[in-house]
Amino acid sequence: MIDHIDQLVRQITLGVYVIGVNNGTKQNAFTAAWVMQASFDPLLLCISINPEHYSWQLLQEGGICSVNVLGKHQYAIAEHFGASGLKDKMAGFRWHQAETGAPVLSESLAYFDCRVSHYADAGDHKLAVCEVVDAALLNNGPLLLYNDTGDMDGSSEIYADSAD
């Protein structure tokens, strides 16, 4: 067993993002920290998502998403979109539609508009490898990093449970 694994994995540099999904009739958004560039040509991003979440279903059905980069001052937004079971999670925020139809969080620092290329299994999560079809810088500011979010994701409990 590795001591303090919940604290150690926070040392891996990760940004915090809101992923917007749309299946053509319904849309939703969720907070993600496990996002990375996977290729230069074509430009691919890889997103990790819990398959038990509602957004996974919408992502599979629609095959599109936006990756919205959060700023350091947007912790409350990350917390909001990380919560489960909210009735209309997207209400109260400004959104615009990307080229693919994915919802873009207008107050994010930047966004990437993506089409899913393919999926892969990754332990208790799924990976969506997505081709970037459009992107833009919307606002300036320092990035919100995963390490800045403390235990918002409840990972200290997850790691504690897996040690039993």
Protein backbone atom coordinates (compact mmCIF):
# COMPACT_ATOMS: atom_id res chain seq x y z
CA MET A 1 0.00 0.00 0.00
CA ILE A 2 1.20 3.52 -0.79
CA ASP A 3 0.90 5.98 2.09
CA HIS A 4 -1.05 9.19 1.36
CA ILE A 5 -1.84 8.28 -2.26
CA ASP A 6 -4.67 10.85 -2.34
CA GLN A 7 -2.12 13.61 -1.67
CA LEU A 8 0.53 12.19 -3.98
CA VAL A 9 -1.66 11.99 -7.10
CA ARG A 10 -2.53 15.67 -6.66
CA GLN A 11 1.13 16.40 -7.46
CA ILE A 12 0.49 15.38 -11.07
CA THR A 13 -0.19 18.66 -12.83
CA LEU A 14 -3.77 18.73 -14.10
CA GLY A 15 -6.06 21.56 -15.06
CA VAL A 16 -9.77 21.67 -14.20
CA TYR A 17 -12.34 21.73 -16.98
CA VAL A 18 -16.08 21.78 -17.56
CA ILE A 19 -17.03 19.30 -20.26
CA GLY A 20 -20.20 20.20 -22.15
CA VAL A 21 -22.11 17.38 -23.88
CA ASN A 22 -25.12 17.36 -26.20
CA ASN A 23 -26.98 14.46 -27.81
CA GLY A 24 -29.13 16.65 -30.07
CA THR A 25 -32.05 17.00 -27.65
CA LYS A 26 -30.48 17.12 -24.19
CA GLN A 27 -27.33 18.71 -22.86
CA ASN A 28 -25.36 18.59 -19.65
CA ALA A 29 -21.95 19.52 -18.27
CA PHE A 30 -19.56 18.03 -15.72
CA THR A 31 -16.24 18.88 -14.09
CA ALA A 32 -13.19 16.93 -15.19
CA ALA A 33 -9.53 17.07 -14.26
CA TRP A 34 -8.39 14.08 -16.28
CA VAL A 35 -8.00 15.73 -19.69
CA MET A 36 -4.85 15.64 -21.81
CA GLN A 37 -3.60 16.25 -25.31
CA ALA A 38 -3.08 12.90 -27.02
CA SER A 39 -1.89 13.89 -30.52
CA PHE A 40 -0.66 16.86 -32.58
CA ASP A 41 -1.93 15.71 -35.98
CA PRO A 42 -4.79 15.36 -35.83
CA LEU A 43 -5.18 17.39 -32.64
CA LEU A 44 -6.71 14.92 -30.17
CA LEU A 45 -7.73 15.38 -26.55
CA CYS A 46 -8.42 12.50 -24.19
CA ILE A 47 -11.14 12.89 -21.56
CA SER A 48 -11.78 10.51 -18.67
CA ILE A 49 -15.41 10.09 -17.60
CA ASN A 50 -17.25 7.94 -15.08
CA PRO A 51 -19.63 5.69 -17.07
CA GLU A 52 -22.17 5.82 -14.23
CA HIS A 53 -22.78 9.53 -14.81
CA TYR A 54 -25.62 10.90 -16.93
CA SER A 55 -23.16 12.84 -19.12
CA TRP A 56 -21.56 9.58 -20.30
CA GLN A 57 -24.85 8.54 -21.90
CA LEU A 58 -25.21 11.92 -23.63
CA LEU A 59 -21.59 11.81 -24.83
CA GLN A 60 -22.07 8.36 -26.36
CA GLU A 61 -25.35 9.35 -28.02
CA GLY A 62 -24.17 12.71 -29.39
CA GLY A 63 -20.49 12.02 -30.01
CA ILE A 64 -19.58 15.67 -29.37
CA CYS A 65 -18.30 17.72 -26.45
CA SER A 66 -16.63 20.95 -25.48
CA VAL A 67 -13.65 21.14 -23.15
CA ASN A 68 -13.92 24.44 -21.25
CA VAL A 69 -10.78 25.59 -19.42
CA LEU A 70 -11.45 27.08 -15.97
CA GLY A 71 -9.54 29.93 -14.35
CA LYS A 72 -8.19 29.98 -10.81
CA HIS A 73 -11.08 32.26 -9.75
CA GLN A 74 -13.70 29.73 -10.96
CA TYR A 75 -13.54 27.16 -8.15
CA ALA A 76 -17.28 27.59 -7.48
CA ILE A 77 -18.04 26.70 -11.11
CA ALA A 78 -15.90 23.56 -10.85
CA GLU A 79 -17.70 22.61 -7.64
CA HIS A 80 -21.14 23.24 -9.17
CA PHE A 81 -20.53 21.08 -12.25
CA GLY A 82 -18.90 18.40 -10.10
CA ALA A 83 -22.13 17.93 -8.12
CA SER A 84 -24.53 15.12 -8.99
CA GLY A 85 -28.31 15.13 -9.08
CA LEU A 86 -28.93 18.81 -9.83
CA LYS A 87 -32.21 19.40 -11.74
CA ASP A 88 -31.05 21.93 -14.33
CA LYS A 89 -27.30 21.97 -13.85
CA MET A 90 -26.66 24.40 -16.70
CA ALA A 91 -29.12 27.12 -15.58
CA GLY A 92 -27.64 30.39 -14.37
CA PHE A 93 -24.59 30.24 -16.65
CA ARG A 94 -24.03 31.79 -20.07
CA TRP A 95 -23.62 29.25 -22.85
CA HIS A 96 -23.13 29.45 -26.57
CA GLN A 97 -23.15 26.68 -29.11
CA ALA A 98 -19.94 25.48 -30.73
CA GLU A 99 -19.62 24.45 -34.38
CA THR A 100 -20.48 20.83 -33.46
CA GLY A 101 -23.47 21.84 -31.34
CA ALA A 102 -21.68 21.23 -28.05
CA PRO A 103 -22.44 23.76 -25.30
CA VAL A 104 -19.58 26.17 -24.54
CA LEU A 105 -19.30 27.90 -21.16
CA SER A 106 -18.93 31.54 -22.21
CA GLU A 107 -17.07 32.57 -19.04
CA SER A 108 -14.36 29.90 -19.39
CA LEU A 109 -10.80 30.94 -20.27
CA ALA A 110 -10.81 28.91 -23.49
CA TYR A 111 -12.67 26.06 -25.11
CA PHE A 112 -12.04 23.17 -27.48
CA ASP A 113 -14.92 21.95 -29.64
CA CYS A 114 -14.58 18.20 -30.20
CA ARG A 115 -15.98 15.17 -32.00
CA VAL A 116 -15.40 11.80 -30.36
CA SER A 117 -13.00 9.65 -32.38
CA HIS A 118 -13.19 6.53 -30.20
CA TYR A 119 -13.56 5.21 -26.66
CA ALA A 120 -11.41 2.98 -24.46
CA ASP A 121 -11.83 1.32 -21.08
CA ALA A 122 -9.74 2.69 -18.21
CA GLY A 123 -10.44 0.96 -14.90
CA ASP A 124 -13.53 2.48 -13.30
CA HIS A 125 -13.67 5.20 -16.01
CA LYS A 126 -14.00 5.41 -19.79
CA LEU A 127 -11.72 7.40 -22.05
CA ALA A 128 -13.12 9.46 -24.89
CA VAL A 129 -10.49 10.34 -27.46
CA CYS A 130 -11.77 13.45 -29.22
CA GLU A 131 -10.67 15.30 -32.35
CA VAL A 132 -10.58 19.08 -31.92
CA VAL A 133 -12.55 20.79 -34.71
CA ASP A 134 -12.47 24.33 -33.32
CA ALA A 135 -11.03 26.21 -30.34
CA ALA A 136 -10.81 29.75 -29.03
CA LEU A 137 -9.39 31.85 -26.21
CA LEU A 138 -12.31 33.60 -24.49
CA ASN A 139 -10.86 35.24 -21.38
CA ASN A 140 -7.48 35.74 -19.73
CA GLY A 141 -6.30 34.59 -16.34
CA PRO A 142 -4.35 31.94 -14.46
CA LEU A 143 -5.55 28.32 -14.70
CA LEU A 144 -7.41 26.46 -11.98
CA LEU A 145 -5.33 23.40 -11.14
CA TYR A 146 -6.59 20.14 -9.70
CA ASN A 147 -4.36 20.63 -6.68
CA ASP A 148 -6.24 23.90 -5.96
CA THR A 149 -9.52 22.00 -5.49
CA GLY A 150 -8.58 20.16 -2.30
CA ASP A 151 -10.81 17.13 -1.80
CA MET A 152 -13.72 18.43 -3.90
CA ASP A 153 -13.83 15.11 -5.79
CA GLY A 154 -13.92 13.02 -2.60
CA SER A 155 -10.87 11.05 -3.71
CA SER A 156 -9.47 10.78 -0.18
CA GLU A 157 -12.49 8.60 0.70
CA ILE A 158 -12.16 6.56 -2.49
CA TYR A 159 -8.50 5.84 -1.79
CA ALA A 160 -9.29 5.06 1.85
CA ASP A 161 -11.99 2.59 0.75
CA SER A 162 -9.64 0.86 -1.71
CA ALA A 163 -7.05 0.33 1.01
CA ASP A 164 -9.44 -1.84 3.04
